[in-house]
Amino acid sequence: MTMEEGLHHSLLDEAFIRYRNTDGQTEQVRLPQLFIALTQDRVRDFPALRPHQRHAWHAFLVQLAALALVRTVAAEPFETEQEWRAALLALTPSDPDGAAWCLVTPAARPALLQAPVPEGQIQRWKSRCYAPDALDMLITSKNHDLKSARMRRCGAEDWLFALVSLQTQEGFLGSGNYGISRMNGGFASRPGVGVVGEGHWGARWRRDTRTLLATRIRTAEIHGLSVDEGIALLWLVPWDGVASLAFASLDPHYIEICRRVRLQVGGDGLHAIGTGTKAARVAAKELNGVTGDPWTPADIAAGKALTITGDGFHYKLLTELLFGSKYRPAAAQDLGHVRPDEHFSLIAQCIVRGQGKTERYHERRIPISPKTRSLLLGGQQPALARVAGQRIAAIAEVRKVLWIALAVLFNNGKSDASSGDSTKDKASRFARPFEQAEDLRFFDDLNAEIEADDDAAQRLNWLLGLVDRAEAVLRSAFEAGPRSSVQRYRARSAGLARFDGTLRGARCPVPELASHYQHANTSTGGNLEHT
């Protein structure tokens, strides 16, 4: 590609994508070379990739590979750079010179993730970005933790990652700035839920690519998409900002764009220019994000794509995603491509969006034990959901007792019922870390019970530990309680008495604990003491 042709930064011909290989060495490659490295599972990570861009980049690479294999009627990833290059060019037959794979082209032609401008001119477009993080979908309304528009010394790959992030996971951001079709509403988010096993980036990429190939026809049938003649790369179709593409005209694994934006080459390097639109790129508002996205579970009853809140992937939600019946699992959650002896985890990723804000990037990996995997494949989700549900209920009961004891402590030993709002808020603030800590260890403890030979004994040990950990939180709050000596001792004593009397007494709200303590009391002649 020459400067005179107006084509710059070709992913097919210029090596500007950096990755660290499994030996820790940095390599700089073209896109076809990257696919070879992924096929051989030699990619450890991408140094320039920001955390919230991980899922968008993974999904882009998987969908692109699957589309290229389908177009060339290939069942397995190619082994040479020439084959990958030819397959990618086959996806853009109207642009044999590779313009659709360049970051910069004339406005009337397609560029990577940038639709052709029918009017051919963009001089009147007013929105300009001179840093990739200003183009990216991450909203930093207050420059406190993460500064905005600070990536001044950057390269083509920074703009590439920002462009992928913007066009494939952005939502609504004011009039004329519509979001992607693959989320439940403009203020929602595009989650990435799937399975990751042994290996590196390439292992998951290959597994998910295989899943897309296997589910392609079924996805088209369920969602009314076009399996043979569907539009796969939405940036190839000219966009005037007024008309929307019909959802039924799309390929099952389409890669979309949501904004009219073009990259340009200037004196200081690349910059972006954009403009608003009268309508969304894809007419799919009534679908509520249920589009067949391979990484998005769907709420079956509500008919909506999963939306992650500011709480992120907490243990209750993950339990439902793993074992529950509320959500239809994402295709990428399929365990069929996992070897029986392979260690693997559920991976959940999402940048949580709100109205004019973001509420952090969330990523969590949940290890799945061999027995749990066997039960899942055997259709035993209800049994697993029951065990997990009992643990969730126990945590809730113990947290409630802890909160009451904390309220008594902060109310100078008086009944929690007479506590004021400030005392109740303080009790909630001190009780919150208890549940957060249980959240972090929940699935490790659950796997231990499922794998145990004596699951009842394992569960009882967990319950006893749960009580001890809650009491430790209560005792750690002593220093925040009353300061005068008389009130201090009375408040601490009353808080502990309320805690012990509820959880270690006959009225314990957790049946197994009540039975255990009653038996222990009987065995000691009613003189059981807790120290």
Foldseek 3Di string as FASTA:
>chain_A
DDVVQFFAAFLLPDFAFWFQFPVRDIDTGRPLVVLLCLQVQGGFGGVLADQQLVVLVLLVLLLLQLQLCVLVVHQAGDNDSVSSSVSNCSLVVVCNVRQCRTQTHQQQAFHPLAARAVVRDDPPFDDKAQALQQLAQAFDPDCDPPHGNPRNPDDPVSNVSRSSRQFFWAFDADAQQHHDLQAQHRQFTHKFKAKDWDGHSSVLSRLSSNLCNVCQVVLCVVQLADQPQANAELRRHHDNQEDADELNRHGLSHRGGWFNKGWDQDPSGIMMTGHGGNDTNYPNNVQSNPRLSQGWWAQVVVNHTDGADLVACFQVNVLCQLQNDRTDHRSNHDCPPPDLPIKMWIKMWIFRGGHSHTNGTDIDTFTQDSLNVVCVVVVVSVVLSVLLVLVVVLLVLLLVLLLQLQLCQQVLNDGSVPGDPVSSVVSCVLSVVLSVVCRVCVRVLSNCLSPDPPNVVSVVVVSVVSLVSSVVSSVVCLVVGDDDPVSSVNSSVSSVCSSCCAQLHCNPPNVVSNVVSVVVCVVVVNPDDDD
